[in-house]
Protein backbone atom coordinates (compact mmCIF):
# COMPACT_ATOMS: atom_id res chain seq x y z
CA ALA A 1 -1.11 5.75 8.54
CA ALA A 2 -2.39 6.96 5.19
CA ASN A 3 -6.12 6.55 4.59
CA GLY A 4 -6.82 5.64 8.21
CA GLY A 5 -5.10 2.26 8.12
CA ASN A 6 -3.92 0.63 11.32
CA PRO A 7 -0.39 -0.77 11.01
CA ALA A 8 -0.74 -2.91 14.16
CA ASN A 9 -3.90 -4.55 12.81
CA GLY A 10 -2.21 -5.07 9.45
CA LYS A 11 0.75 -6.78 11.09
CA THR A 12 -1.61 -9.05 13.04
CA LEU A 13 -3.52 -10.00 9.88
CA PHE A 14 -0.33 -10.55 7.89
CA SER A 15 1.03 -12.89 10.56
CA GLN A 16 -2.04 -15.16 10.80
CA ALA A 17 -1.51 -18.63 9.32
CA VAL A 18 -5.14 -18.82 8.13
CA LEU A 19 -7.43 -15.98 7.05
CA GLU A 20 -11.06 -16.80 6.29
CA GLY A 21 -10.18 -20.40 5.46
CA ASN A 22 -7.26 -19.54 3.19
CA ALA A 23 -3.52 -19.43 3.73
CA GLY A 24 -2.55 -16.20 5.44
CA CYS A 25 -0.14 -13.69 3.87
CA ALA A 26 2.92 -14.84 5.83
CA THR A 27 2.38 -18.40 4.62
CA CYS A 28 3.54 -17.38 1.16
CA HIS A 29 5.29 -14.02 1.65
CA THR A 30 8.03 -12.55 3.81
CA THR A 31 9.03 -8.96 4.41
CA GLU A 32 12.72 -9.89 4.28
CA ALA A 33 14.33 -8.47 1.13
CA GLY A 34 15.36 -11.13 -1.38
CA LYS A 35 13.72 -14.03 0.46
CA VAL A 36 11.12 -15.96 -1.54
CA LEU A 37 8.74 -18.46 0.07
CA VAL A 38 5.98 -19.26 -2.44
CA GLY A 39 5.27 -15.68 -3.43
CA PRO A 40 7.87 -12.95 -3.68
CA SER A 41 9.16 -10.89 -0.78
CA LEU A 42 6.99 -7.91 0.07
CA ALA A 43 10.01 -5.79 1.00
CA GLY A 44 9.70 -2.56 -0.98
CA ILE A 45 6.18 -3.34 -2.21
CA ALA A 46 4.97 0.21 -1.63
CA THR A 47 7.57 1.49 -4.09
CA ARG A 48 7.30 -1.32 -6.68
CA ALA A 49 3.52 -1.48 -6.75
CA GLY A 50 3.14 2.01 -8.19
CA THR A 51 5.22 1.16 -11.24
CA THR A 52 4.16 -2.43 -11.89
CA ILE A 53 1.11 -1.73 -14.08
CA PRO A 54 1.13 1.57 -15.98
CA GLY A 55 -1.81 3.75 -14.96
CA THR A 56 -2.50 1.77 -11.77
CA SER A 57 -1.67 3.35 -8.42
CA ALA A 58 0.28 1.46 -5.78
CA GLU A 59 -2.80 1.49 -3.55
CA ASP A 60 -5.04 0.00 -6.28
CA TYR A 61 -2.45 -2.62 -7.26
CA ILE A 62 -1.96 -3.76 -3.66
CA HIS A 63 -5.71 -3.78 -2.95
CA GLN A 64 -6.45 -5.88 -6.03
CA SER A 65 -3.57 -8.22 -5.22
CA ILE A 66 -5.03 -8.82 -1.75
CA VAL A 67 -8.66 -9.33 -2.76
CA ASP A 68 -7.87 -11.26 -5.97
CA THR A 69 -4.59 -13.04 -5.26
CA ASN A 70 -4.25 -14.36 -8.81
CA ALA A 71 -4.86 -11.02 -10.54
CA HIS A 72 -1.14 -10.26 -10.86
CA LEU A 73 1.44 -12.97 -10.36
CA ALA A 74 4.59 -11.04 -9.61
CA THR A 75 8.07 -11.95 -10.77
CA GLY A 76 9.39 -14.45 -8.28
CA CYS A 77 6.06 -16.12 -7.59
CA THR A 78 6.53 -19.88 -7.66
CA LEU A 79 2.87 -20.78 -8.25
CA SER A 80 2.11 -22.46 -11.53
C-alpha cells in the first residue's frame, strides 16, 4: 500500500465497534456505494477526497477527517 499502510490492519480498525472509547468507523460509515448510516458511504472516498477542498490532497483530507471527525461534514452526513 502507498506510504507503508497495512490494508489488513486498516480493515480491522474500520470494523471495530469502539476505538479508544469512541464509536468506530463502521458504526457510522459503510463501504457500500449509496448506503448512508449516520455518515456518508466511504465508497469512492479516495477519488472524492482529492477534489473536496481545493488545494488539499486526498491524503490530507482523509487524515484530518479521521483525527478531527467534525472538521469536514460531508454531504450526506446526518449529524446535526
